[in-house]
Amino acid sequence: MTITKKNISKEVSKRISVPEKDGEALLNQFLSLVKKNSKNNVVVKLSKFGTFQRKSTPKRQGRNPKTGIIFDINSFKRLSFRPSFRLKKIIN
């Protein structure tokens, strides 16, 4: 089963007894805060859940497996999530 953003917003709205639009707005605001802060290289830490952090990947070489042509892959920024110890314990 796949949990989507829509499913999460419905569940949030149901649990806090607000309309679905408000639940969706709440989730969108949370996600935009995480995105905005990660762009500014701020670590977003949610107690007992995990940490969102912006990391950069190094420049590297790639290869097309079909043709064998080697090319450069530029470094880029990515958002990573590191789960907390409690979340890991629940999952495992």
C-alpha atoms as a PDB file:
ATOM      1  CA  MET A   1       0.000   0.000   0.000  1.00  0.00           C
ATOM      2  CA  THR A   2       1.217   3.477  -0.837  1.00  0.00           C
ATOM      3  CA  ILE A   3       0.450   6.436   1.403  1.00  0.00           C
ATOM      4  CA  THR A   4       0.025   9.627  -0.580  1.00  0.00           C
ATOM      5  CA  LYS A   5      -0.021  13.267   0.396  1.00  0.00           C
ATOM      6  CA  LYS A   6      -3.793  13.250  -0.078  1.00  0.00           C
ATOM      7  CA  ASN A   7      -4.196  10.286   2.290  1.00  0.00           C
ATOM      8  CA  ILE A   8      -2.069  12.009   4.925  1.00  0.00           C
ATOM      9  CA  SER A   9      -4.044  15.261   4.681  1.00  0.00           C
ATOM     10  CA  LYS A  10      -7.353  13.358   5.006  1.00  0.00           C
ATOM     11  CA  GLU A  11      -6.093  11.504   8.062  1.00  0.00           C
ATOM     12  CA  VAL A  12      -4.811  14.709   9.673  1.00  0.00           C
ATOM     13  CA  SER A  13      -8.098  16.508   9.072  1.00  0.00           C
ATOM     14  CA  LYS A  14     -10.047  13.574  10.494  1.00  0.00           C
ATOM     15  CA  ARG A  15      -7.881  13.346  13.633  1.00  0.00           C
ATOM     16  CA  ILE A  16      -8.016  17.054  14.480  1.00  0.00           C
ATOM     17  CA  SER A  17     -11.656  17.447  13.372  1.00  0.00           C
ATOM     18  CA  VAL A  18     -11.216  20.087  10.677  1.00  0.00           C
ATOM     19  CA  PRO A  19     -12.371  20.171   7.036  1.00  0.00           C
ATOM     20  CA  GLU A  20     -10.234  18.309   4.508  1.00  0.00           C
ATOM     21  CA  LYS A  21      -9.148  21.585   2.880  1.00  0.00           C
ATOM     22  CA  ASP A  22      -7.707  22.762   6.193  1.00  0.00           C
ATOM     23  CA  GLY A  23      -5.893  19.461   6.686  1.00  0.00           C
ATOM     24  CA  GLU A  24      -4.416  19.755   3.210  1.00  0.00           C
ATOM     25  CA  ALA A  25      -3.392  23.373   3.866  1.00  0.00           C
ATOM     26  CA  LEU A  26      -1.721  22.343   7.126  1.00  0.00           C
ATOM     27  CA  LEU A  27       0.285  19.611   5.409  1.00  0.00           C
ATOM     28  CA  ASN A  28       1.266  21.948   2.551  1.00  0.00           C
ATOM     29  CA  GLN A  29       2.435  24.602   5.025  1.00  0.00           C
ATOM     30  CA  PHE A  30       4.544  22.035   6.865  1.00  0.00           C
ATOM     31  CA  LEU A  31       6.150  20.809   3.646  1.00  0.00           C
ATOM     32  CA  SER A  32       6.836  24.350   2.437  1.00  0.00           C
ATOM     33  CA  LEU A  33       8.528  25.181   5.765  1.00  0.00           C
ATOM     34  CA  VAL A  34      10.761  22.131   5.441  1.00  0.00           C
ATOM     35  CA  LYS A  35      11.626  23.068   1.835  1.00  0.00           C
ATOM     36  CA  LYS A  36      12.271  26.735   2.635  1.00  0.00           C
ATOM     37  CA  ASN A  37      14.459  26.028   5.642  1.00  0.00           C
ATOM     38  CA  SER A  38      16.417  23.311   3.868  1.00  0.00           C
ATOM     39  CA  LYS A  39      17.213  25.731   1.017  1.00  0.00           C
ATOM     40  CA  ASN A  40      18.781  28.027   3.623  1.00  0.00           C
ATOM     41  CA  ASN A  41      20.935  25.123   4.916  1.00  0.00           C
ATOM     42  CA  VAL A  42      18.946  24.938   8.154  1.00  0.00           C
ATOM     43  CA  VAL A  43      18.587  21.495   9.707  1.00  0.00           C
ATOM     44  CA  VAL A  44      14.911  20.726  10.384  1.00  0.00           C
ATOM     45  CA  LYS A  45      14.710  18.426  13.394  1.00  0.00           C
ATOM     46  CA  LEU A  46      11.417  16.927  14.536  1.00  0.00           C
ATOM     47  CA  SER A  47      11.706  15.405  17.981  1.00  0.00           C
ATOM     48  CA  LYS A  48      10.998  11.655  18.083  1.00  0.00           C
ATOM     49  CA  PHE A  49      10.592  11.600  14.276  1.00  0.00           C
ATOM     50  CA  GLY A  50      13.762  12.557  12.440  1.00  0.00           C
ATOM     51  CA  THR A  51      15.897  15.200  10.774  1.00  0.00           C
ATOM     52  CA  PHE A  52      15.692  16.781   7.318  1.00  0.00           C
ATOM     53  CA  GLN A  53      19.010  18.102   6.040  1.00  0.00           C
ATOM     54  CA  ARG A  54      20.328  19.451   2.753  1.00  0.00           C
ATOM     55  CA  LYS A  55      23.360  17.575   1.433  1.00  0.00           C
ATOM     56  CA  SER A  56      25.422  17.942  -1.697  1.00  0.00           C
ATOM     57  CA  THR A  57      26.503  15.064  -3.902  1.00  0.00           C
ATOM     58  CA  PRO A  58      30.007  15.117  -5.361  1.00  0.00           C
ATOM     59  CA  LYS A  59      30.734  15.472  -9.071  1.00  0.00           C
ATOM     60  CA  ARG A  60      31.183  12.025 -10.588  1.00  0.00           C
ATOM     61  CA  GLN A  61      31.371  10.120 -13.822  1.00  0.00           C
ATOM     62  CA  GLY A  62      28.468   8.174 -15.233  1.00  0.00           C
ATOM     63  CA  ARG A  63      28.251   5.672 -18.041  1.00  0.00           C
ATOM     64  CA  ASN A  64      25.459   4.896 -20.478  1.00  0.00           C
ATOM     65  CA  PRO A  65      25.125   1.100 -20.167  1.00  0.00           C
ATOM     66  CA  LYS A  66      23.754   0.729 -23.687  1.00  0.00           C
ATOM     67  CA  THR A  67      26.424   2.688 -25.573  1.00  0.00           C
ATOM     68  CA  GLY A  68      29.241   2.703 -23.021  1.00  0.00           C
ATOM     69  CA  ILE A  69      29.725   6.476 -23.384  1.00  0.00           C
ATOM     70  CA  ILE A  70      31.202   8.053 -20.246  1.00  0.00           C
ATOM     71  CA  PHE A  71      29.944  11.480 -19.159  1.00  0.00           C
ATOM     72  CA  ASP A  72      30.212  13.800 -16.154  1.00  0.00           C
ATOM     73  CA  ILE A  73      27.399  14.160 -13.635  1.00  0.00           C
ATOM     74  CA  ASN A  74      27.571  17.557 -11.935  1.00  0.00           C
ATOM     75  CA  SER A  75      27.261  17.868  -8.185  1.00  0.00           C
ATOM     76  CA  PHE A  76      23.816  18.806  -6.912  1.00  0.00           C
ATOM     77  CA  LYS A  77      21.959  19.421  -3.670  1.00  0.00           C
ATOM     78  CA  ARG A  78      19.454  16.935  -2.286  1.00  0.00           C
ATOM     79  CA  LEU A  79      17.226  16.745   0.754  1.00  0.00           C
ATOM     80  CA  SER A  80      17.931  13.798   3.009  1.00  0.00           C
ATOM     81  CA  PHE A  81      15.957  12.418   5.924  1.00  0.00           C
ATOM     82  CA  ARG A  82      17.516  10.674   8.876  1.00  0.00           C
ATOM     83  CA  PRO A  83      14.988   8.916  11.115  1.00  0.00           C
ATOM     84  CA  SER A  84      15.261   9.221  14.881  1.00  0.00           C
ATOM     85  CA  PHE A  85      16.191   6.285  17.068  1.00  0.00           C
ATOM     86  CA  ARG A  86      12.563   5.896  18.196  1.00  0.00           C
ATOM     87  CA  LEU A  87      11.270   5.830  14.612  1.00  0.00           C
ATOM     88  CA  LYS A  88      13.902   3.232  13.662  1.00  0.00           C
ATOM     89  CA  LYS A  89      12.859   1.154  16.658  1.00  0.00           C
ATOM     90  CA  ILE A  90       9.187   1.291  15.591  1.00  0.00           C
ATOM     91  CA  ILE A  91      10.001   0.366  11.997  1.00  0.00           C
ATOM     92  CA  ASN A  92      12.366  -2.484  12.867  1.00  0.00           C
END
